[in-house]
Amino acid sequence: MCMTGALQDREEDLLEALLEEPLPGETALADRLGLDAVAFAGAVASAEAHGRLEREAGGRFRLSREGRRVARTIARRHRTLACFFEEIGMAREAANREACTLEHGVSDEAIERLADHLRCPAPCERPCEGAGGGDGRPLLDYGEGARVCITVVRPCGRYRRLMDMGVVPGEEVVVRRRLSNRAVVIEVKGCEIGLSPECAATVLATPCP
């Protein structure tokens, strides 16, 4: 969810925010969007006029079916763009900022091509940070010599690169070295692979039996 200037962008940000956190109060929602009363009222009015937003008792809002469709489209764009920028080496915060800038104008074809390039999973309704769930702790938490089994590889950033290197759920790996910059060297299928801290943080694992 991003804060932008154009009315259409503000409306889309509003829908996306409601998708991430259903039924927030009006004041809290405006604060989250970083909008003053006039800008917030304009976004709400636009969304209602397009049949994307419905009011409920107590001044709360609910997405219509069309509103949810639009919100999911914007969330997918943001997630895919952020994943791409992380894939080419940008830090997560910077990647999200760039995704915020571009998500409202990028074409669906471009997103589909990027998603295919990244091997992104099916569209989700939440940002990358929430994707992947599951048991285990990040590889960053394990010390040298730890033998662990990968449980989750979060579909963000260097997802495709990790898959290509054999870092996949169910694979057994050994933490060989931890470097001063917090990077981790692991052994996978007899080969040693270096992972940046950002990359290692997306891989969850549990100790092998």
N, C-alpha and C. Protein backbone atom coordinates (compact mmCIF):
# COMPACT_ATOMS: atom_id res chain seq x y z
N MET A 1 0.85 -1.18 0.00
CA MET A 1 0.00 0.00 0.00
C MET A 1 0.88 1.23 0.00
N CYS A 2 0.59 2.18 -0.91
CA CYS A 2 1.47 3.32 -1.11
C CYS A 2 0.65 4.61 -1.09
N MET A 3 1.33 5.71 -0.86
CA MET A 3 0.67 7.00 -0.86
C MET A 3 1.10 7.78 -2.10
N THR A 4 0.16 8.11 -2.96
CA THR A 4 0.49 8.84 -4.18
C THR A 4 -0.48 10.00 -4.35
N GLY A 5 -0.27 10.80 -5.41
CA GLY A 5 -1.00 12.05 -5.53
C GLY A 5 -2.29 11.97 -6.29
N ALA A 6 -2.37 11.28 -7.41
CA ALA A 6 -3.55 11.29 -8.26
C ALA A 6 -4.73 10.64 -7.57
N LEU A 7 -5.94 11.13 -7.90
CA LEU A 7 -7.14 10.58 -7.28
C LEU A 7 -7.27 9.08 -7.52
N GLN A 8 -7.04 8.63 -8.76
CA GLN A 8 -7.14 7.21 -9.05
C GLN A 8 -6.15 6.41 -8.21
N ASP A 9 -4.94 6.93 -8.06
CA ASP A 9 -3.93 6.23 -7.27
C ASP A 9 -4.36 6.15 -5.80
N ARG A 10 -4.92 7.26 -5.29
CA ARG A 10 -5.36 7.27 -3.90
C ARG A 10 -6.50 6.28 -3.69
N GLU A 11 -7.39 6.21 -4.67
CA GLU A 11 -8.48 5.24 -4.57
C GLU A 11 -7.94 3.81 -4.53
N GLU A 12 -7.00 3.51 -5.40
CA GLU A 12 -6.41 2.17 -5.43
C GLU A 12 -5.67 1.86 -4.13
N ASP A 13 -4.97 2.86 -3.58
CA ASP A 13 -4.29 2.67 -2.30
C ASP A 13 -5.30 2.36 -1.20
N LEU A 14 -6.43 3.05 -1.24
CA LEU A 14 -7.49 2.81 -0.26
C LEU A 14 -8.00 1.38 -0.34
N LEU A 15 -8.27 0.91 -1.54
CA LEU A 15 -8.76 -0.45 -1.72
C LEU A 15 -7.73 -1.47 -1.26
N GLU A 16 -6.48 -1.20 -1.61
CA GLU A 16 -5.41 -2.13 -1.21
C GLU A 16 -5.27 -2.19 0.31
N ALA A 17 -5.40 -1.02 0.96
CA ALA A 17 -5.29 -0.99 2.42
C ALA A 17 -6.41 -1.78 3.07
N LEU A 18 -7.62 -1.69 2.51
CA LEU A 18 -8.74 -2.44 3.06
C LEU A 18 -8.58 -3.94 2.83
N LEU A 19 -7.91 -4.30 1.75
CA LEU A 19 -7.65 -5.71 1.49
C LEU A 19 -6.68 -6.27 2.51
N GLU A 20 -5.67 -5.46 2.87
CA GLU A 20 -4.66 -5.90 3.83
C GLU A 20 -5.21 -5.95 5.24
N GLU A 21 -6.10 -5.02 5.57
CA GLU A 21 -6.62 -4.94 6.93
C GLU A 21 -8.10 -4.59 6.86
N PRO A 22 -8.98 -5.59 6.77
CA PRO A 22 -10.41 -5.34 6.59
C PRO A 22 -11.02 -4.52 7.72
N LEU A 23 -11.93 -3.66 7.34
CA LEU A 23 -12.76 -2.90 8.26
C LEU A 23 -12.02 -2.03 9.28
N PRO A 24 -10.98 -1.31 8.92
CA PRO A 24 -10.38 -0.37 9.88
C PRO A 24 -11.28 0.84 10.06
N GLY A 25 -11.14 1.56 11.16
CA GLY A 25 -11.91 2.77 11.35
C GLY A 25 -11.50 3.84 10.36
N GLU A 26 -12.40 4.78 10.10
CA GLU A 26 -12.15 5.81 9.08
C GLU A 26 -10.92 6.64 9.40
N THR A 27 -10.79 7.07 10.66
CA THR A 27 -9.64 7.90 11.04
C THR A 27 -8.34 7.12 10.91
N ALA A 28 -8.35 5.88 11.40
CA ALA A 28 -7.15 5.04 11.33
C ALA A 28 -6.76 4.78 9.88
N LEU A 29 -7.76 4.59 9.04
CA LEU A 29 -7.48 4.31 7.62
C LEU A 29 -6.89 5.54 6.93
N ALA A 30 -7.43 6.70 7.21
CA ALA A 30 -6.89 7.93 6.63
C ALA A 30 -5.45 8.16 7.08
N ASP A 31 -5.19 7.91 8.36
CA ASP A 31 -3.83 8.05 8.89
C ASP A 31 -2.88 7.07 8.21
N ARG A 32 -3.34 5.87 8.04
CA ARG A 32 -2.49 4.86 7.41
C ARG A 32 -2.13 5.24 5.97
N LEU A 33 -3.09 5.85 5.29
CA LEU A 33 -2.85 6.27 3.92
C LEU A 33 -2.07 7.58 3.83
N GLY A 34 -1.95 8.28 4.96
CA GLY A 34 -1.25 9.56 4.96
C GLY A 34 -2.02 10.64 4.24
N LEU A 35 -3.35 10.57 4.30
CA LEU A 35 -4.20 11.53 3.58
C LEU A 35 -4.89 12.46 4.57
N ASP A 36 -5.05 13.74 4.18
CA ASP A 36 -5.84 14.65 4.99
C ASP A 36 -7.32 14.36 4.73
N ALA A 37 -8.18 15.06 5.45
CA ALA A 37 -9.61 14.78 5.39
C ALA A 37 -10.18 14.95 3.98
N VAL A 38 -9.74 15.99 3.28
CA VAL A 38 -10.26 16.27 1.94
C VAL A 38 -9.83 15.18 0.95
N ALA A 39 -8.55 14.83 0.98
CA ALA A 39 -8.04 13.81 0.06
C ALA A 39 -8.66 12.45 0.36
N PHE A 40 -8.82 12.14 1.64
CA PHE A 40 -9.42 10.85 2.02
C PHE A 40 -10.87 10.78 1.56
N ALA A 41 -11.64 11.88 1.78
CA ALA A 41 -13.04 11.90 1.36
C ALA A 41 -13.14 11.74 -0.16
N GLY A 42 -12.21 12.33 -0.89
CA GLY A 42 -12.22 12.20 -2.34
C GLY A 42 -11.98 10.77 -2.79
N ALA A 43 -11.04 10.08 -2.12
CA ALA A 43 -10.75 8.69 -2.47
C ALA A 43 -11.95 7.80 -2.17
N VAL A 44 -12.59 8.04 -1.02
CA VAL A 44 -13.77 7.26 -0.65
C VAL A 44 -14.90 7.49 -1.65
N ALA A 45 -15.15 8.75 -1.98
CA ALA A 45 -16.23 9.07 -2.92
C ALA A 45 -15.98 8.43 -4.29
N SER A 46 -14.74 8.45 -4.73
CA SER A 46 -14.40 7.85 -6.02
C SER A 46 -14.63 6.35 -6.00
N ALA A 47 -14.20 5.71 -4.92
CA ALA A 47 -14.37 4.25 -4.80
C ALA A 47 -15.85 3.88 -4.74
N GLU A 48 -16.63 4.68 -4.03
CA GLU A 48 -18.08 4.41 -3.95
C GLU A 48 -18.74 4.61 -5.30
N ALA A 49 -18.33 5.66 -6.01
CA ALA A 49 -18.91 5.94 -7.32
C ALA A 49 -18.64 4.82 -8.32
N HIS A 50 -17.49 4.17 -8.16
CA HIS A 50 -17.13 3.06 -9.05
C HIS A 50 -17.69 1.72 -8.57
N GLY A 51 -18.45 1.74 -7.47
CA GLY A 51 -19.04 0.51 -6.96
C GLY A 51 -18.03 -0.43 -6.33
N ARG A 52 -16.94 0.13 -5.83
CA ARG A 52 -15.88 -0.70 -5.26
C ARG A 52 -15.86 -0.70 -3.73
N LEU A 53 -16.61 0.21 -3.14
CA LEU A 53 -16.56 0.38 -1.69
C LEU A 53 -17.98 0.54 -1.15
N GLU A 54 -18.25 -0.12 -0.02
CA GLU A 54 -19.55 -0.04 0.62
C GLU A 54 -19.36 0.36 2.07
N ARG A 55 -20.30 1.15 2.58
CA ARG A 55 -20.25 1.57 3.97
C ARG A 55 -21.05 0.59 4.83
N GLU A 56 -20.54 0.35 6.03
CA GLU A 56 -21.24 -0.48 6.98
C GLU A 56 -21.58 0.34 8.22
N ALA A 57 -22.35 -0.25 9.12
CA ALA A 57 -22.72 0.45 10.34
C ALA A 57 -21.48 0.85 11.12
N GLY A 58 -21.54 2.01 11.76
CA GLY A 58 -20.40 2.46 12.54
C GLY A 58 -19.37 3.20 11.74
N GLY A 59 -19.67 3.51 10.46
CA GLY A 59 -18.73 4.26 9.63
C GLY A 59 -17.60 3.44 9.06
N ARG A 60 -17.70 2.13 9.13
CA ARG A 60 -16.65 1.28 8.56
C ARG A 60 -16.92 1.01 7.09
N PHE A 61 -15.88 0.54 6.40
CA PHE A 61 -15.98 0.29 4.98
C PHE A 61 -15.78 -1.19 4.68
N ARG A 62 -16.37 -1.61 3.57
CA ARG A 62 -16.18 -2.99 3.11
C ARG A 62 -16.01 -2.98 1.60
N LEU A 63 -15.09 -3.79 1.11
CA LEU A 63 -14.88 -3.90 -0.33
C LEU A 63 -16.02 -4.68 -0.98
N SER A 64 -16.47 -4.18 -2.11
CA SER A 64 -17.41 -4.96 -2.93
C SER A 64 -16.60 -6.01 -3.70
N ARG A 65 -17.30 -6.83 -4.44
CA ARG A 65 -16.58 -7.83 -5.25
C ARG A 65 -15.64 -7.14 -6.24
N GLU A 66 -16.12 -6.07 -6.88
CA GLU A 66 -15.27 -5.35 -7.82
C GLU A 66 -14.12 -4.67 -7.10
N GLY A 67 -14.39 -4.13 -5.91
CA GLY A 67 -13.32 -3.51 -5.13
C GLY A 67 -12.24 -4.49 -4.76
N ARG A 68 -12.65 -5.70 -4.39
CA ARG A 68 -11.65 -6.73 -4.05
C ARG A 68 -10.84 -7.12 -5.27
N ARG A 69 -11.50 -7.19 -6.42
CA ARG A 69 -10.76 -7.55 -7.64
C ARG A 69 -9.68 -6.51 -7.94
N VAL A 70 -10.05 -5.23 -7.87
CA VAL A 70 -9.09 -4.17 -8.14
C VAL A 70 -7.97 -4.17 -7.11
N ALA A 71 -8.35 -4.34 -5.84
CA ALA A 71 -7.35 -4.34 -4.78
C ALA A 71 -6.35 -5.48 -4.96
N ARG A 72 -6.84 -6.65 -5.34
CA ARG A 72 -5.95 -7.79 -5.55
C ARG A 72 -5.01 -7.53 -6.73
N THR A 73 -5.53 -6.86 -7.77
CA THR A 73 -4.69 -6.54 -8.92
C THR A 73 -3.55 -5.61 -8.51
N ILE A 74 -3.86 -4.59 -7.72
CA ILE A 74 -2.83 -3.64 -7.27
C ILE A 74 -1.84 -4.33 -6.34
N ALA A 75 -2.34 -5.16 -5.43
CA ALA A 75 -1.45 -5.87 -4.51
C ALA A 75 -0.52 -6.81 -5.28
N ARG A 76 -1.05 -7.45 -6.32
CA ARG A 76 -0.21 -8.35 -7.14
C ARG A 76 0.87 -7.55 -7.87
N ARG A 77 0.49 -6.40 -8.40
CA ARG A 77 1.48 -5.57 -9.09
C ARG A 77 2.60 -5.17 -8.12
N HIS A 78 2.18 -4.70 -6.95
CA HIS A 78 3.18 -4.26 -5.96
C HIS A 78 4.11 -5.42 -5.60
N ARG A 79 3.53 -6.55 -5.30
CA ARG A 79 4.31 -7.71 -4.87
C ARG A 79 5.29 -8.15 -5.95
N THR A 80 4.83 -8.20 -7.19
CA THR A 80 5.68 -8.65 -8.28
C THR A 80 6.81 -7.66 -8.54
N LEU A 81 6.48 -6.37 -8.55
CA LEU A 81 7.51 -5.36 -8.76
C LEU A 81 8.55 -5.38 -7.64
N ALA A 82 8.08 -5.47 -6.40
CA ALA A 82 9.01 -5.51 -5.27
C ALA A 82 9.91 -6.73 -5.35
N CYS A 83 9.34 -7.86 -5.72
CA CYS A 83 10.14 -9.08 -5.88
C CYS A 83 11.21 -8.88 -6.95
N PHE A 84 10.83 -8.26 -8.06
CA PHE A 84 11.80 -8.03 -9.13
C PHE A 84 12.93 -7.14 -8.67
N PHE A 85 12.60 -6.04 -8.01
CA PHE A 85 13.65 -5.11 -7.57
C PHE A 85 14.57 -5.77 -6.54
N GLU A 86 14.02 -6.60 -5.66
CA GLU A 86 14.89 -7.33 -4.74
C GLU A 86 15.76 -8.34 -5.49
N GLU A 87 15.19 -8.94 -6.52
CA GLU A 87 15.93 -9.91 -7.32
C GLU A 87 17.18 -9.28 -7.94
N ILE A 88 17.10 -8.00 -8.31
CA ILE A 88 18.27 -7.35 -8.93
C ILE A 88 19.13 -6.63 -7.91
N GLY A 89 18.89 -6.91 -6.62
CA GLY A 89 19.81 -6.45 -5.60
C GLY A 89 19.38 -5.29 -4.72
N MET A 90 18.18 -4.76 -4.90
CA MET A 90 17.75 -3.65 -4.07
C MET A 90 17.32 -4.14 -2.70
N ALA A 91 17.56 -3.32 -1.69
CA ALA A 91 17.09 -3.64 -0.34
C ALA A 91 15.56 -3.62 -0.33
N ARG A 92 14.97 -4.37 0.60
CA ARG A 92 13.51 -4.53 0.61
C ARG A 92 12.78 -3.19 0.71
N GLU A 93 13.23 -2.31 1.59
CA GLU A 93 12.54 -1.03 1.76
C GLU A 93 12.57 -0.22 0.47
N ALA A 94 13.74 -0.18 -0.17
CA ALA A 94 13.87 0.55 -1.43
C ALA A 94 13.03 -0.10 -2.52
N ALA A 95 13.01 -1.43 -2.54
CA ALA A 95 12.22 -2.15 -3.54
C ALA A 95 10.74 -1.83 -3.39
N ASN A 96 10.28 -1.75 -2.15
CA ASN A 96 8.87 -1.42 -1.91
C ASN A 96 8.55 0.01 -2.33
N ARG A 97 9.50 0.93 -2.10
CA ARG A 97 9.28 2.31 -2.52
C ARG A 97 9.13 2.39 -4.04
N GLU A 98 10.00 1.70 -4.75
CA GLU A 98 9.92 1.72 -6.21
C GLU A 98 8.62 1.08 -6.70
N ALA A 99 8.23 -0.02 -6.04
CA ALA A 99 6.98 -0.68 -6.42
C ALA A 99 5.80 0.26 -6.21
N CYS A 100 5.83 1.05 -5.12
CA CYS A 100 4.77 2.03 -4.86
C CYS A 100 4.66 3.04 -5.99
N THR A 101 5.81 3.43 -6.52
CA THR A 101 5.82 4.44 -7.59
C THR A 101 5.22 3.90 -8.88
N LEU A 102 5.46 2.63 -9.16
CA LEU A 102 5.12 2.07 -10.47
C LEU A 102 3.84 1.25 -10.51
N GLU A 103 3.34 0.80 -9.37
CA GLU A 103 2.26 -0.19 -9.37
C GLU A 103 0.97 0.30 -10.01
N HIS A 104 0.72 1.60 -10.01
CA HIS A 104 -0.54 2.11 -10.53
C HIS A 104 -0.54 2.25 -12.05
N GLY A 105 0.64 2.30 -12.66
CA GLY A 105 0.69 2.55 -14.09
C GLY A 105 1.18 1.38 -14.92
N VAL A 106 1.78 0.38 -14.30
CA VAL A 106 2.34 -0.74 -15.05
C VAL A 106 1.22 -1.57 -15.67
N SER A 107 1.48 -2.14 -16.84
CA SER A 107 0.45 -2.93 -17.53
C SER A 107 0.38 -4.34 -16.95
N ASP A 108 -0.78 -4.96 -17.13
CA ASP A 108 -0.96 -6.34 -16.67
C ASP A 108 -0.01 -7.28 -17.42
N GLU A 109 0.22 -7.00 -18.70
CA GLU A 109 1.13 -7.85 -19.47
C GLU A 109 2.54 -7.80 -18.89
N ALA A 110 2.99 -6.61 -18.53
CA ALA A 110 4.33 -6.48 -17.94
C ALA A 110 4.43 -7.25 -16.63
N ILE A 111 3.38 -7.17 -15.82
CA ILE A 111 3.39 -7.90 -14.54
C ILE A 111 3.42 -9.40 -14.78
N GLU A 112 2.64 -9.88 -15.73
CA GLU A 112 2.63 -11.32 -16.00
C GLU A 112 3.99 -11.80 -16.50
N ARG A 113 4.62 -10.99 -17.32
CA ARG A 113 5.94 -11.38 -17.82
C ARG A 113 6.98 -11.38 -16.69
N LEU A 114 6.91 -10.39 -15.82
CA LEU A 114 7.82 -10.35 -14.68
C LEU A 114 7.57 -11.53 -13.74
N ALA A 115 6.29 -11.81 -13.48
CA ALA A 115 5.95 -12.92 -12.60
C ALA A 115 6.45 -14.24 -13.16
N ASP A 116 6.33 -14.40 -14.47
CA ASP A 116 6.82 -15.63 -15.10
C ASP A 116 8.34 -15.71 -15.00
N HIS A 117 9.01 -14.58 -15.18
CA HIS A 117 10.47 -14.54 -15.08
C HIS A 117 10.92 -14.90 -13.67
N LEU A 118 10.19 -14.42 -12.68
CA LEU A 118 10.55 -14.66 -11.28
C LEU A 118 10.03 -15.97 -10.76
N ARG A 119 9.19 -16.64 -11.56
CA ARG A 119 8.49 -17.85 -11.11
C ARG A 119 7.68 -17.58 -9.86
N CYS A 120 7.02 -16.44 -9.84
CA CYS A 120 6.19 -16.07 -8.69
C CYS A 120 5.03 -17.05 -8.56
N PRO A 121 4.64 -17.38 -7.33
CA PRO A 121 3.46 -18.20 -7.12
C PRO A 121 2.21 -17.44 -7.57
N ALA A 122 1.07 -18.08 -7.39
CA ALA A 122 -0.19 -17.45 -7.77
C ALA A 122 -0.37 -16.14 -7.03
N PRO A 123 -1.17 -15.23 -7.59
CA PRO A 123 -1.36 -13.93 -6.93
C PRO A 123 -1.81 -14.08 -5.49
N CYS A 124 -1.33 -13.21 -4.64
CA CYS A 124 -1.76 -13.20 -3.25
C CYS A 124 -2.28 -11.82 -2.92
N GLU A 125 -2.96 -11.69 -1.80
CA GLU A 125 -3.59 -10.43 -1.46
C GLU A 125 -2.74 -9.59 -0.52
N ARG A 126 -1.62 -10.08 -0.08
CA ARG A 126 -0.82 -9.35 0.88
C ARG A 126 0.58 -9.11 0.32
N PRO A 127 1.31 -8.18 0.90
CA PRO A 127 2.66 -7.92 0.42
C PRO A 127 3.56 -9.12 0.62
N CYS A 128 4.71 -9.04 0.02
CA CYS A 128 5.67 -10.14 0.09
C CYS A 128 6.00 -10.54 1.51
N GLU A 129 6.06 -9.57 2.40
CA GLU A 129 6.47 -9.89 3.75
C GLU A 129 5.58 -10.94 4.39
N GLY A 130 4.33 -11.02 3.95
CA GLY A 130 3.42 -11.96 4.57
C GLY A 130 3.36 -13.28 3.82
N ALA A 131 4.03 -13.40 2.70
CA ALA A 131 3.92 -14.61 1.92
C ALA A 131 4.81 -15.70 2.47
N GLY A 132 4.43 -16.89 2.24
CA GLY A 132 5.31 -18.00 2.54
C GLY A 132 5.05 -18.70 3.81
N GLY A 133 4.59 -18.06 4.86
CA GLY A 133 4.24 -18.67 6.13
C GLY A 133 4.86 -20.01 6.42
N GLY A 134 4.59 -20.65 7.52
CA GLY A 134 5.05 -21.99 7.77
C GLY A 134 6.00 -22.07 8.94
N ASP A 135 6.40 -23.30 9.29
CA ASP A 135 7.25 -23.53 10.44
C ASP A 135 8.71 -23.28 10.10
N GLY A 136 9.48 -23.03 11.14
CA GLY A 136 10.92 -22.89 10.98
C GLY A 136 11.42 -21.51 11.31
N ARG A 137 12.75 -21.39 11.35
CA ARG A 137 13.41 -20.11 11.62
C ARG A 137 14.30 -19.76 10.44
N PRO A 138 14.58 -18.48 10.21
CA PRO A 138 15.45 -18.08 9.11
C PRO A 138 16.84 -18.70 9.25
N LEU A 139 17.48 -18.95 8.14
CA LEU A 139 18.85 -19.49 8.17
C LEU A 139 19.78 -18.58 8.96
N LEU A 140 19.47 -17.30 9.00
CA LEU A 140 20.29 -16.35 9.75
C LEU A 140 20.38 -16.70 11.23
N ASP A 141 19.39 -17.44 11.74
CA ASP A 141 19.36 -17.76 13.17
C ASP A 141 20.23 -18.95 13.54
N TYR A 142 20.72 -19.70 12.56
CA TYR A 142 21.47 -20.92 12.85
C TYR A 142 22.97 -20.67 12.84
N GLY A 143 23.66 -21.35 13.74
CA GLY A 143 25.11 -21.22 13.85
C GLY A 143 25.84 -22.14 12.89
N GLU A 144 27.15 -21.95 12.83
CA GLU A 144 27.97 -22.78 11.95
C GLU A 144 27.89 -24.25 12.37
N GLY A 145 27.78 -25.10 11.37
CA GLY A 145 27.69 -26.53 11.63
C GLY A 145 26.28 -27.05 11.75
N ALA A 146 25.31 -26.16 11.82
CA ALA A 146 23.91 -26.60 11.96
C ALA A 146 23.47 -27.33 10.69
N ARG A 147 22.83 -28.46 10.89
CA ARG A 147 22.26 -29.22 9.77
C ARG A 147 20.75 -29.06 9.85
N VAL A 148 20.19 -28.44 8.83
CA VAL A 148 18.76 -28.09 8.89
C VAL A 148 18.04 -28.54 7.62
N CYS A 149 16.73 -28.64 7.75
CA CYS A 149 15.88 -29.00 6.61
C CYS A 149 15.03 -27.78 6.26
N ILE A 150 15.07 -27.37 5.00
CA ILE A 150 14.33 -26.20 4.56
C ILE A 150 12.84 -26.50 4.57
N THR A 151 12.08 -25.61 5.19
CA THR A 151 10.63 -25.77 5.24
C THR A 151 9.89 -24.79 4.33
N VAL A 152 10.43 -23.58 4.21
CA VAL A 152 9.76 -22.54 3.42
C VAL A 152 10.81 -21.68 2.72
N VAL A 153 10.57 -21.36 1.48
CA VAL A 153 11.35 -20.34 0.78
C VAL A 153 10.34 -19.26 0.39
N ARG A 154 10.40 -18.13 1.07
CA ARG A 154 9.41 -17.09 0.82
C ARG A 154 9.55 -16.57 -0.61
N PRO A 155 8.42 -16.42 -1.31
CA PRO A 155 8.46 -16.02 -2.72
C PRO A 155 8.70 -14.54 -2.90
N CYS A 156 9.87 -14.08 -2.47
CA CYS A 156 10.22 -12.67 -2.62
C CYS A 156 11.67 -12.57 -3.07
N GLY A 157 12.01 -11.42 -3.63
CA GLY A 157 13.40 -11.14 -3.94
C GLY A 157 14.06 -12.18 -4.81
N ARG A 158 15.03 -12.89 -4.24
CA ARG A 158 15.85 -13.82 -5.01
C ARG A 158 15.24 -15.22 -5.08
N TYR A 159 13.93 -15.30 -5.09
CA TYR A 159 13.22 -16.58 -5.09
C TYR A 159 13.68 -17.49 -6.22
N ARG A 160 13.71 -16.94 -7.43
CA ARG A 160 14.09 -17.77 -8.58
C ARG A 160 15.52 -18.27 -8.44
N ARG A 161 16.41 -17.38 -8.01
CA ARG A 161 17.81 -17.76 -7.88
C ARG A 161 17.98 -18.88 -6.85
N LEU A 162 17.26 -18.80 -5.75
CA LEU A 162 17.33 -19.84 -4.73
C LEU A 162 16.86 -21.17 -5.27
N MET A 163 15.76 -21.15 -6.01
CA MET A 163 15.25 -22.39 -6.60
C MET A 163 16.28 -23.01 -7.53
N ASP A 164 16.90 -22.18 -8.35
CA ASP A 164 17.89 -22.67 -9.30
C ASP A 164 19.10 -23.29 -8.60
N MET A 165 19.42 -22.80 -7.41
CA MET A 165 20.57 -23.31 -6.67
C MET A 165 20.23 -24.55 -5.84
N GLY A 166 18.99 -24.98 -5.87
CA GLY A 166 18.60 -26.16 -5.11
C GLY A 166 18.13 -25.87 -3.71
N VAL A 167 17.96 -24.59 -3.39
CA VAL A 167 17.46 -24.22 -2.06
C VAL A 167 15.94 -24.26 -2.13
N VAL A 168 15.39 -25.44 -1.86
CA VAL A 168 13.95 -25.67 -2.00
C VAL A 168 13.42 -26.37 -0.75
N PRO A 169 12.14 -26.24 -0.46
CA PRO A 169 11.56 -26.93 0.69
C PRO A 169 11.81 -28.43 0.63
N GLY A 170 12.19 -28.99 1.76
CA GLY A 170 12.48 -30.41 1.85
C GLY A 170 13.95 -30.76 1.71
N GLU A 171 14.75 -29.79 1.23
CA GLU A 171 16.17 -30.04 1.02
C GLU A 171 16.94 -29.89 2.34
N GLU A 172 17.90 -30.75 2.57
CA GLU A 172 18.76 -30.67 3.76
C GLU A 172 20.00 -29.85 3.42
N VAL A 173 20.33 -28.89 4.28
CA VAL A 173 21.50 -28.05 4.06
C VAL A 173 22.30 -27.95 5.36
N VAL A 174 23.56 -27.58 5.21
CA VAL A 174 24.44 -27.38 6.37
C VAL A 174 24.96 -25.96 6.35
N VAL A 175 24.87 -25.28 7.47
CA VAL A 175 25.42 -23.93 7.59
C VAL A 175 26.93 -24.08 7.81
N ARG A 176 27.72 -23.71 6.84
CA ARG A 176 29.17 -23.90 6.90
C ARG A 176 29.88 -22.72 7.54
N ARG A 177 29.52 -21.50 7.13
CA ARG A 177 30.19 -20.32 7.68
C ARG A 177 29.22 -19.16 7.80
N ARG A 178 29.48 -18.35 8.81
CA ARG A 178 28.77 -17.08 8.98
C ARG A 178 29.80 -15.97 8.87
N LEU A 179 29.58 -15.05 7.95
CA LEU A 179 30.57 -14.02 7.66
C LEU A 179 30.30 -12.75 8.47
N SER A 180 31.28 -11.88 8.50
CA SER A 180 31.19 -10.67 9.32
C SER A 180 30.06 -9.74 8.87
N ASN A 181 29.69 -9.80 7.61
CA ASN A 181 28.60 -8.95 7.10
C ASN A 181 27.24 -9.62 7.24
N ARG A 182 27.19 -10.73 8.01
CA ARG A 182 25.99 -11.50 8.30
C ARG A 182 25.56 -12.40 7.14
N ALA A 183 26.36 -12.45 6.09
CA ALA A 183 26.08 -13.40 5.02
C ALA A 183 26.31 -14.81 5.54
N VAL A 184 25.69 -15.78 4.89
CA VAL A 184 25.77 -17.17 5.33
C VAL A 184 26.23 -18.03 4.16
N VAL A 185 27.16 -18.94 4.45
CA VAL A 185 27.59 -19.92 3.45
C VAL A 185 26.99 -21.26 3.84
N ILE A 186 26.20 -21.83 2.92
CA ILE A 186 25.57 -23.12 3.20
C ILE A 186 26.05 -24.16 2.20
N GLU A 187 25.91 -25.41 2.57
CA GLU A 187 26.23 -26.52 1.66
C GLU A 187 24.92 -27.16 1.23
N VAL A 188 24.72 -27.22 -0.08
CA VAL A 188 23.52 -27.84 -0.66
C VAL A 188 23.96 -28.84 -1.71
N LYS A 189 23.58 -30.10 -1.53
CA LYS A 189 23.92 -31.14 -2.50
C LYS A 189 25.43 -31.19 -2.76
N GLY A 190 26.23 -30.99 -1.71
CA GLY A 190 27.67 -31.07 -1.84
C GLY A 190 28.35 -29.82 -2.34
N CYS A 191 27.59 -28.77 -2.63
CA CYS A 191 28.17 -27.51 -3.12
C CYS A 191 27.95 -26.41 -2.10
N GLU A 192 28.94 -25.53 -1.95
CA GLU A 192 28.82 -24.41 -1.04
C GLU A 192 28.26 -23.19 -1.79
N ILE A 193 27.29 -22.53 -1.15
CA ILE A 193 26.62 -21.39 -1.75
C ILE A 193 26.59 -20.26 -0.73
N GLY A 194 26.95 -19.06 -1.16
CA GLY A 194 26.89 -17.90 -0.29
C GLY A 194 25.57 -17.17 -0.45
N LEU A 195 24.95 -16.85 0.68
CA LEU A 195 23.67 -16.12 0.66
C LEU A 195 23.83 -14.80 1.41
N SER A 196 23.35 -13.73 0.80
CA SER A 196 23.36 -12.44 1.49
C SER A 196 22.42 -12.52 2.68
N PRO A 197 22.55 -11.60 3.65
CA PRO A 197 21.63 -11.61 4.79
C PRO A 197 20.17 -11.50 4.35
N GLU A 198 19.90 -10.64 3.35
CA GLU A 198 18.53 -10.47 2.88
C GLU A 198 17.99 -11.76 2.27
N CYS A 199 18.87 -12.46 1.55
CA CYS A 199 18.47 -13.70 0.90
C CYS A 199 18.26 -14.81 1.95
N ALA A 200 19.19 -14.92 2.90
CA ALA A 200 19.10 -15.95 3.93
C ALA A 200 17.87 -15.76 4.82
N ALA A 201 17.43 -14.52 4.96
CA ALA A 201 16.27 -14.24 5.81
C ALA A 201 14.97 -14.76 5.20
N THR A 202 14.95 -15.02 3.90
CA THR A 202 13.74 -15.51 3.25
C THR A 202 13.62 -17.03 3.31
N VAL A 203 14.67 -17.71 3.80
CA VAL A 203 14.67 -19.17 3.84
C VAL A 203 14.45 -19.62 5.28
N LEU A 204 13.38 -20.35 5.51
CA LEU A 204 13.09 -20.88 6.84
C LEU A 204 13.46 -22.36 6.89
N ALA A 205 13.91 -22.81 8.04
CA ALA A 205 14.34 -24.19 8.18
C ALA A 205 14.16 -24.66 9.62
N THR A 206 14.14 -25.98 9.79
CA THR A 206 14.10 -26.58 11.12
C THR A 206 15.28 -27.54 11.25
N PRO A 207 15.75 -27.78 12.47
CA PRO A 207 16.87 -28.72 12.66
C PRO A 207 16.51 -30.10 12.13
N CYS A 208 17.47 -30.75 11.48
CA CYS A 208 17.22 -32.11 10.97
C CYS A 208 17.14 -33.07 12.15
N PRO A 209 16.31 -34.09 12.03
CA PRO A 209 16.18 -35.08 13.10
C PRO A 209 17.52 -35.75 13.37
